[in-house]
N, C-alpha and C. Protein backbone atom coordinates (compact mmCIF):
# COMPACT_ATOMS: atom_id res chain seq x y z
N MET A 1 136.73 115.55 111.80
CA MET A 1 136.77 114.10 111.70
C MET A 1 138.18 113.69 111.28
N PRO A 2 138.87 112.85 112.07
CA PRO A 2 140.23 112.46 111.72
C PRO A 2 140.25 111.54 110.51
N SER A 3 141.31 111.69 109.72
CA SER A 3 141.45 110.80 108.57
C SER A 3 141.93 109.45 109.04
N SER A 4 141.72 108.44 108.20
CA SER A 4 142.15 107.09 108.58
C SER A 4 143.66 107.03 108.75
N GLN A 5 144.41 107.87 108.02
CA GLN A 5 145.87 107.86 108.13
C GLN A 5 146.31 108.36 109.50
N SER A 6 145.68 109.42 110.03
CA SER A 6 146.11 109.99 111.30
C SER A 6 145.69 109.15 112.49
N THR A 7 144.76 108.23 112.33
CA THR A 7 144.29 107.43 113.45
C THR A 7 144.89 106.03 113.48
N GLY A 8 145.63 105.67 112.45
CA GLY A 8 146.20 104.33 112.39
C GLY A 8 145.31 103.32 111.71
N ALA A 9 144.08 103.70 111.39
CA ALA A 9 143.18 102.80 110.66
C ALA A 9 143.55 102.86 109.19
N SER A 10 143.72 101.71 108.59
CA SER A 10 144.08 101.69 107.17
C SER A 10 142.84 101.82 106.31
N ALA A 11 143.02 102.34 105.10
CA ALA A 11 141.91 102.46 104.16
C ALA A 11 141.29 101.10 103.86
N PRO A 12 142.07 100.03 103.69
CA PRO A 12 141.44 98.72 103.48
C PRO A 12 140.61 98.25 104.68
N ASP A 13 141.05 98.58 105.90
CA ASP A 13 140.28 98.21 107.09
C ASP A 13 138.94 98.95 107.11
N VAL A 14 138.98 100.24 106.79
CA VAL A 14 137.75 101.03 106.75
C VAL A 14 136.84 100.50 105.65
N ALA A 15 137.41 100.17 104.50
CA ALA A 15 136.61 99.63 103.39
C ALA A 15 135.96 98.30 103.79
N THR A 16 136.67 97.50 104.56
CA THR A 16 136.11 96.22 105.02
C THR A 16 134.94 96.46 105.96
N LEU A 17 135.06 97.45 106.85
CA LEU A 17 133.93 97.77 107.74
C LEU A 17 132.76 98.33 106.94
N GLN A 18 133.05 99.12 105.91
CA GLN A 18 131.97 99.61 105.05
C GLN A 18 131.24 98.43 104.40
N LEU A 19 131.99 97.46 103.95
CA LEU A 19 131.41 96.27 103.33
C LEU A 19 130.57 95.48 104.34
N ALA A 20 131.10 95.33 105.56
CA ALA A 20 130.37 94.61 106.60
C ALA A 20 129.07 95.35 106.95
N THR A 21 129.14 96.66 106.98
CA THR A 21 127.93 97.46 107.25
C THR A 21 126.89 97.20 106.17
N ARG A 22 127.34 97.21 104.91
CA ARG A 22 126.43 96.94 103.80
C ARG A 22 125.81 95.55 103.92
N ASP A 23 126.64 94.57 104.28
CA ASP A 23 126.15 93.21 104.40
C ASP A 23 125.11 93.08 105.51
N LEU A 24 125.39 93.64 106.68
CA LEU A 24 124.47 93.52 107.80
C LEU A 24 123.17 94.30 107.56
N VAL A 25 123.29 95.48 106.97
CA VAL A 25 122.08 96.24 106.65
C VAL A 25 121.28 95.49 105.59
N GLY A 26 121.97 94.87 104.65
CA GLY A 26 121.29 94.07 103.63
C GLY A 26 120.51 92.92 104.24
N ILE A 27 121.09 92.25 105.22
CA ILE A 27 120.38 91.17 105.91
C ILE A 27 119.16 91.73 106.65
N ALA A 28 119.33 92.87 107.31
CA ALA A 28 118.21 93.48 108.03
C ALA A 28 117.08 93.84 107.07
N LEU A 29 117.43 94.47 105.95
CA LEU A 29 116.40 94.84 104.97
C LEU A 29 115.72 93.61 104.39
N HIS A 30 116.52 92.61 104.05
CA HIS A 30 115.96 91.41 103.45
C HIS A 30 115.05 90.67 104.44
N SER A 31 115.39 90.72 105.72
CA SER A 31 114.57 90.02 106.72
C SER A 31 113.16 90.60 106.77
N VAL A 32 113.06 91.91 106.63
CA VAL A 32 111.74 92.54 106.66
C VAL A 32 110.95 92.12 105.42
N ALA A 33 111.60 92.18 104.27
CA ALA A 33 110.91 91.81 103.02
C ALA A 33 110.54 90.33 103.01
N ALA A 34 111.46 89.47 103.46
CA ALA A 34 111.22 88.03 103.41
C ALA A 34 110.15 87.59 104.40
N ALA A 35 110.12 88.20 105.56
CA ALA A 35 109.20 87.75 106.60
C ALA A 35 107.84 88.45 106.56
N THR A 36 107.75 89.59 105.87
CA THR A 36 106.49 90.32 105.89
C THR A 36 105.87 90.46 104.51
N GLY A 37 106.67 90.91 103.57
CA GLY A 37 106.16 91.13 102.23
C GLY A 37 105.33 92.38 102.07
N ASP A 38 104.74 92.90 103.15
CA ASP A 38 103.86 94.05 103.01
C ASP A 38 104.17 95.20 103.96
N VAL A 39 105.31 95.16 104.63
CA VAL A 39 105.67 96.19 105.59
C VAL A 39 107.01 96.79 105.18
N SER A 40 107.09 98.10 105.20
CA SER A 40 108.34 98.78 104.87
C SER A 40 109.29 98.73 106.07
N LEU A 41 110.55 99.06 105.82
CA LEU A 41 111.52 99.10 106.92
C LEU A 41 111.09 100.12 107.97
N ALA A 42 110.62 101.28 107.54
CA ALA A 42 110.18 102.30 108.50
C ALA A 42 109.02 101.78 109.35
N GLN A 43 108.09 101.08 108.73
CA GLN A 43 106.97 100.51 109.48
C GLN A 43 107.46 99.45 110.46
N PHE A 44 108.40 98.61 110.00
CA PHE A 44 108.92 97.58 110.90
C PHE A 44 109.65 98.20 112.08
N ARG A 45 110.40 99.27 111.83
CA ARG A 45 111.09 99.95 112.94
C ARG A 45 110.10 100.37 114.01
N MET A 46 108.95 100.85 113.58
CA MET A 46 107.94 101.26 114.54
C MET A 46 107.39 100.07 115.31
N LEU A 47 107.12 98.98 114.59
CA LEU A 47 106.63 97.78 115.26
C LEU A 47 107.65 97.25 116.27
N TRP A 48 108.91 97.21 115.87
CA TRP A 48 109.96 96.70 116.74
C TRP A 48 110.13 97.60 117.97
N THR A 49 110.01 98.90 117.76
CA THR A 49 110.11 99.83 118.88
C THR A 49 108.97 99.58 119.87
N LEU A 50 107.75 99.42 119.35
CA LEU A 50 106.62 99.14 120.24
C LEU A 50 106.78 97.79 120.95
N ALA A 51 107.36 96.82 120.27
CA ALA A 51 107.61 95.53 120.92
C ALA A 51 108.59 95.72 122.08
N ALA A 52 109.54 96.63 121.92
CA ALA A 52 110.55 96.85 122.96
C ALA A 52 110.04 97.71 124.11
N ILE A 53 109.29 98.77 123.79
CA ILE A 53 108.90 99.71 124.86
C ILE A 53 107.48 99.49 125.35
N GLY A 54 106.72 98.68 124.64
CA GLY A 54 105.34 98.41 125.05
C GLY A 54 104.40 99.52 124.63
N PRO A 55 103.13 99.39 125.01
CA PRO A 55 102.14 100.40 124.63
C PRO A 55 102.62 101.79 125.05
N SER A 56 102.55 102.73 124.11
CA SER A 56 103.11 104.05 124.35
C SER A 56 102.31 105.11 123.62
N SER A 57 102.48 106.33 124.07
CA SER A 57 101.87 107.44 123.36
C SER A 57 102.58 107.63 122.03
N SER A 58 101.88 108.21 121.08
CA SER A 58 102.50 108.45 119.78
C SER A 58 103.68 109.40 119.91
N VAL A 59 103.63 110.32 120.86
CA VAL A 59 104.75 111.23 121.10
C VAL A 59 105.97 110.46 121.57
N ASP A 60 105.79 109.51 122.47
CA ASP A 60 106.91 108.70 122.96
C ASP A 60 107.50 107.83 121.85
N VAL A 61 106.64 107.30 120.99
CA VAL A 61 107.12 106.49 119.87
C VAL A 61 107.93 107.36 118.91
N ALA A 62 107.43 108.56 118.61
CA ALA A 62 108.16 109.47 117.73
C ALA A 62 109.53 109.79 118.30
N GLN A 63 109.58 110.04 119.60
CA GLN A 63 110.86 110.34 120.25
C GLN A 63 111.80 109.13 120.17
N ALA A 64 111.28 107.95 120.43
CA ALA A 64 112.11 106.74 120.39
C ALA A 64 112.67 106.49 119.00
N LEU A 65 111.90 106.82 117.97
CA LEU A 65 112.34 106.61 116.59
C LEU A 65 113.15 107.79 116.05
N GLY A 66 113.10 108.91 116.74
CA GLY A 66 113.79 110.09 116.26
C GLY A 66 113.13 110.71 115.04
N VAL A 67 111.80 110.65 115.00
CA VAL A 67 111.04 111.21 113.87
C VAL A 67 109.97 112.14 114.41
N GLY A 68 109.33 112.85 113.52
CA GLY A 68 108.25 113.75 113.91
C GLY A 68 106.95 113.02 114.16
N ALA A 69 106.08 113.69 114.88
CA ALA A 69 104.78 113.10 115.22
C ALA A 69 103.97 112.79 113.97
N SER A 70 104.07 113.62 112.93
CA SER A 70 103.30 113.37 111.70
C SER A 70 103.76 112.09 111.01
N SER A 71 105.06 111.79 111.11
CA SER A 71 105.57 110.54 110.53
C SER A 71 104.98 109.34 111.25
N VAL A 72 104.90 109.44 112.56
CA VAL A 72 104.32 108.34 113.36
C VAL A 72 102.85 108.17 113.00
N THR A 73 102.15 109.26 112.81
CA THR A 73 100.73 109.17 112.46
C THR A 73 100.55 108.43 111.14
N ARG A 74 101.35 108.79 110.13
CA ARG A 74 101.25 108.12 108.82
C ARG A 74 101.60 106.64 108.93
N LEU A 75 102.68 106.33 109.66
CA LEU A 75 103.06 104.93 109.84
C LEU A 75 101.96 104.16 110.58
N ALA A 76 101.43 104.78 111.62
CA ALA A 76 100.38 104.13 112.41
C ALA A 76 99.13 103.87 111.57
N ASP A 77 98.79 104.82 110.69
CA ASP A 77 97.62 104.62 109.82
C ASP A 77 97.79 103.35 108.99
N ARG A 78 98.95 103.21 108.36
CA ARG A 78 99.20 102.05 107.50
C ARG A 78 99.22 100.75 108.31
N LEU A 79 99.88 100.80 109.46
CA LEU A 79 99.99 99.58 110.28
C LEU A 79 98.66 99.19 110.90
N GLN A 80 97.84 100.15 111.24
CA GLN A 80 96.51 99.85 111.76
C GLN A 80 95.65 99.22 110.66
N ASN A 81 95.74 99.79 109.45
CA ASN A 81 94.98 99.23 108.32
C ASN A 81 95.42 97.81 107.98
N SER A 82 96.68 97.49 108.26
CA SER A 82 97.20 96.15 107.99
C SER A 82 96.91 95.18 109.13
N GLY A 83 96.41 95.70 110.24
CA GLY A 83 96.07 94.84 111.37
C GLY A 83 97.22 94.57 112.33
N TYR A 84 98.31 95.32 112.21
CA TYR A 84 99.48 95.10 113.06
C TYR A 84 99.52 96.01 114.28
N LEU A 85 98.71 97.05 114.28
CA LEU A 85 98.79 98.06 115.34
C LEU A 85 97.38 98.46 115.76
N ALA A 86 97.23 98.74 117.05
CA ALA A 86 95.95 99.23 117.58
C ALA A 86 96.18 100.59 118.22
N ARG A 87 95.24 101.48 117.96
CA ARG A 87 95.27 102.81 118.59
C ARG A 87 94.33 102.80 119.78
N GLY A 88 94.66 103.62 120.73
CA GLY A 88 93.81 103.79 121.89
C GLY A 88 94.00 105.18 122.44
N SER A 89 93.56 105.38 123.66
CA SER A 89 93.77 106.67 124.33
C SER A 89 94.00 106.40 125.81
N GLU A 90 94.65 107.36 126.45
CA GLU A 90 94.89 107.23 127.88
C GLU A 90 93.59 107.49 128.63
N PRO A 91 93.30 106.69 129.65
CA PRO A 91 92.04 106.87 130.39
C PRO A 91 91.93 108.25 131.04
N THR A 92 93.05 108.83 131.45
CA THR A 92 93.00 110.13 132.13
C THR A 92 93.07 111.31 131.18
N ASN A 93 93.44 111.06 129.92
CA ASN A 93 93.54 112.14 128.95
C ASN A 93 93.25 111.57 127.56
N ARG A 94 92.02 111.62 127.15
CA ARG A 94 91.61 110.99 125.89
C ARG A 94 92.23 111.65 124.66
N ARG A 95 92.85 112.83 124.83
CA ARG A 95 93.51 113.48 123.70
C ARG A 95 94.85 112.82 123.37
N VAL A 96 95.39 112.04 124.30
CA VAL A 96 96.66 111.36 124.08
C VAL A 96 96.39 110.05 123.36
N VAL A 97 96.96 109.93 122.16
CA VAL A 97 96.79 108.71 121.36
C VAL A 97 97.85 107.71 121.78
N THR A 98 97.41 106.50 122.09
CA THR A 98 98.35 105.44 122.43
C THR A 98 98.43 104.44 121.28
N LEU A 99 99.57 103.81 121.18
CA LEU A 99 99.81 102.81 120.14
C LEU A 99 100.26 101.51 120.80
N ASP A 100 99.79 100.41 120.26
CA ASP A 100 100.17 99.10 120.78
C ASP A 100 100.13 98.09 119.64
N LEU A 101 100.93 97.06 119.75
CA LEU A 101 100.92 96.00 118.76
C LEU A 101 99.71 95.10 118.97
N THR A 102 99.16 94.65 117.89
CA THR A 102 98.14 93.61 117.95
C THR A 102 98.87 92.26 118.03
N GLU A 103 98.12 91.21 118.16
CA GLU A 103 98.72 89.88 118.14
C GLU A 103 99.46 89.65 116.82
N ALA A 104 98.86 90.10 115.73
CA ALA A 104 99.51 89.98 114.42
C ALA A 104 100.81 90.78 114.37
N GLY A 105 100.82 91.95 114.99
CA GLY A 105 102.03 92.77 115.04
C GLY A 105 103.15 92.09 115.82
N HIS A 106 102.79 91.52 116.97
CA HIS A 106 103.79 90.77 117.75
C HIS A 106 104.33 89.60 116.93
N GLY A 107 103.44 88.90 116.25
CA GLY A 107 103.86 87.77 115.43
C GLY A 107 104.79 88.18 114.31
N LEU A 108 104.51 89.31 113.70
CA LEU A 108 105.35 89.81 112.61
C LEU A 108 106.75 90.13 113.10
N VAL A 109 106.85 90.83 114.22
CA VAL A 109 108.17 91.15 114.78
C VAL A 109 108.93 89.87 115.08
N LYS A 110 108.24 88.92 115.66
CA LYS A 110 108.88 87.64 115.99
C LYS A 110 109.38 86.93 114.73
N ARG A 111 108.58 86.91 113.67
CA ARG A 111 108.99 86.26 112.41
C ARG A 111 110.21 86.94 111.79
N VAL A 112 110.22 88.27 111.78
CA VAL A 112 111.36 88.99 111.20
C VAL A 112 112.63 88.69 111.98
N LEU A 113 112.56 88.78 113.30
CA LEU A 113 113.74 88.53 114.12
C LEU A 113 114.20 87.08 114.02
N GLN A 114 113.26 86.15 113.89
CA GLN A 114 113.63 84.75 113.72
C GLN A 114 114.29 84.53 112.38
N TRP A 115 113.79 85.18 111.33
CA TRP A 115 114.40 85.06 110.01
C TRP A 115 115.84 85.56 110.06
N ARG A 116 116.05 86.70 110.72
CA ARG A 116 117.42 87.24 110.85
C ARG A 116 118.32 86.27 111.60
N GLU A 117 117.82 85.73 112.70
CA GLU A 117 118.62 84.79 113.48
C GLU A 117 118.99 83.58 112.64
N ASP A 118 118.02 83.06 111.91
CA ASP A 118 118.29 81.90 111.05
C ASP A 118 119.31 82.24 109.96
N GLU A 119 119.18 83.41 109.35
CA GLU A 119 120.10 83.81 108.29
C GLU A 119 121.51 84.04 108.84
N LEU A 120 121.61 84.70 109.98
CA LEU A 120 122.93 84.92 110.58
C LEU A 120 123.57 83.59 110.98
N THR A 121 122.76 82.67 111.47
CA THR A 121 123.27 81.34 111.80
C THR A 121 123.78 80.64 110.56
N ARG A 122 123.03 80.76 109.46
CA ARG A 122 123.45 80.16 108.20
C ARG A 122 124.78 80.75 107.73
N VAL A 123 124.88 82.06 107.79
CA VAL A 123 126.12 82.73 107.36
C VAL A 123 127.29 82.31 108.24
N LEU A 124 127.09 82.35 109.54
CA LEU A 124 128.18 81.99 110.46
C LEU A 124 128.61 80.54 110.31
N SER A 125 127.67 79.67 109.99
CA SER A 125 128.00 78.25 109.85
C SER A 125 128.90 77.98 108.66
N GLN A 126 128.98 78.92 107.73
CA GLN A 126 129.83 78.76 106.56
C GLN A 126 131.27 79.23 106.79
N LEU A 127 131.52 79.79 107.95
CA LEU A 127 132.87 80.23 108.29
C LEU A 127 133.60 79.13 109.05
N GLU A 128 134.90 79.10 108.88
CA GLU A 128 135.71 78.19 109.68
C GLU A 128 135.64 78.64 111.14
N PRO A 129 135.75 77.71 112.09
CA PRO A 129 135.65 78.10 113.51
C PRO A 129 136.60 79.23 113.91
N GLU A 130 137.82 79.22 113.38
CA GLU A 130 138.79 80.28 113.72
C GLU A 130 138.34 81.62 113.15
N GLU A 131 137.81 81.60 111.93
CA GLU A 131 137.32 82.84 111.31
C GLU A 131 136.14 83.40 112.11
N ARG A 132 135.23 82.51 112.47
CA ARG A 132 134.04 82.91 113.22
C ARG A 132 134.45 83.50 114.56
N ALA A 133 135.36 82.84 115.27
CA ALA A 133 135.80 83.33 116.58
C ALA A 133 136.49 84.69 116.45
N GLY A 134 137.32 84.84 115.43
CA GLY A 134 138.00 86.12 115.22
C GLY A 134 137.03 87.24 114.89
N MET A 135 136.06 86.93 114.04
CA MET A 135 135.08 87.94 113.66
C MET A 135 134.25 88.36 114.87
N VAL A 136 133.80 87.40 115.63
CA VAL A 136 132.98 87.70 116.80
C VAL A 136 133.78 88.52 117.81
N ALA A 137 135.02 88.15 118.04
CA ALA A 137 135.87 88.90 118.96
C ALA A 137 136.06 90.33 118.46
N GLY A 138 136.27 90.48 117.16
CA GLY A 138 136.45 91.81 116.59
C GLY A 138 135.20 92.67 116.71
N LEU A 139 134.05 92.07 116.46
CA LEU A 139 132.81 92.82 116.58
C LEU A 139 132.51 93.20 118.03
N ARG A 140 132.83 92.33 118.95
CA ARG A 140 132.66 92.68 120.38
C ARG A 140 133.57 93.84 120.76
N ALA A 141 134.81 93.80 120.27
CA ALA A 141 135.75 94.89 120.56
C ALA A 141 135.25 96.20 119.95
N MET A 142 134.74 96.13 118.73
CA MET A 142 134.21 97.33 118.10
C MET A 142 133.03 97.89 118.89
N HIS A 143 132.16 97.00 119.37
CA HIS A 143 131.01 97.46 120.16
C HIS A 143 131.47 98.11 121.46
N ARG A 144 132.54 97.60 122.05
CA ARG A 144 133.07 98.24 123.27
C ARG A 144 133.49 99.67 122.98
N VAL A 145 134.07 99.90 121.80
CA VAL A 145 134.52 101.24 121.43
C VAL A 145 133.34 102.14 121.07
N VAL A 146 132.42 101.61 120.27
CA VAL A 146 131.27 102.40 119.83
C VAL A 146 130.29 102.58 120.99
N GLY A 147 130.11 101.52 121.78
CA GLY A 147 129.18 101.57 122.90
C GLY A 147 127.79 101.95 122.46
N GLU A 148 127.22 102.89 123.13
CA GLU A 148 125.86 103.33 122.82
C GLU A 148 125.86 104.68 122.13
N GLU A 149 126.99 105.04 121.51
CA GLU A 149 127.12 106.35 120.87
C GLU A 149 126.03 106.60 119.83
N TYR A 150 125.61 105.57 119.15
CA TYR A 150 124.61 105.74 118.10
C TYR A 150 123.23 105.27 118.53
N ALA A 151 123.00 105.17 119.81
CA ALA A 151 121.69 104.78 120.33
C ALA A 151 120.87 106.02 120.62
N SER A 152 119.56 105.87 120.56
CA SER A 152 118.68 106.96 120.95
C SER A 152 118.56 106.93 122.46
N GLU A 153 117.77 107.83 123.01
CA GLU A 153 117.61 107.87 124.46
C GLU A 153 116.90 106.63 124.99
N THR A 154 116.15 105.94 124.16
CA THR A 154 115.45 104.75 124.61
C THR A 154 116.17 103.47 124.20
N GLY A 155 117.32 103.60 123.58
CA GLY A 155 118.08 102.42 123.17
C GLY A 155 118.45 102.51 121.71
N PRO A 156 119.11 101.49 121.23
CA PRO A 156 119.52 101.50 119.82
C PRO A 156 118.32 101.59 118.90
N LEU A 157 118.45 102.38 117.85
CA LEU A 157 117.37 102.47 116.88
C LEU A 157 117.22 101.13 116.17
N PRO A 158 116.03 100.60 116.13
CA PRO A 158 115.85 99.31 115.50
C PRO A 158 115.98 99.38 113.99
N LEU A 159 116.58 98.36 113.44
CA LEU A 159 116.70 98.27 111.98
C LEU A 159 116.23 96.96 111.55
């Protein structure tokens, strides 16, 4: 791993990105707590993944999340008990467990994402237009460099 000195990135620049990472992760974590109150981040990741990929086998969900099948089983148990997830089976192979969001699960994902959008809008509205434009341009440039390097095979891991 190259040091910040050998790549031209300054230590203060790296520290600023570390701070931005903390801020954005903080907003993501707070959105789950504020909009749900009873779902952990890991549980929300599973709900968001199912919202993105649709009804899927538990094996496919585990692969999308990058976790083991036993982790998916435990998460599914809690989410089913909370009314956010429904289990089923494939008609051609009843041994395959399928997972799908209930109406309540879809609503929860929608509320969390709406809370995030509202909070990000609030934060952005407090910046001067030039600051906002510069930040957005910088983040777009960073995404061009990072691309999908940190995405799973089914897309970016939801947070």
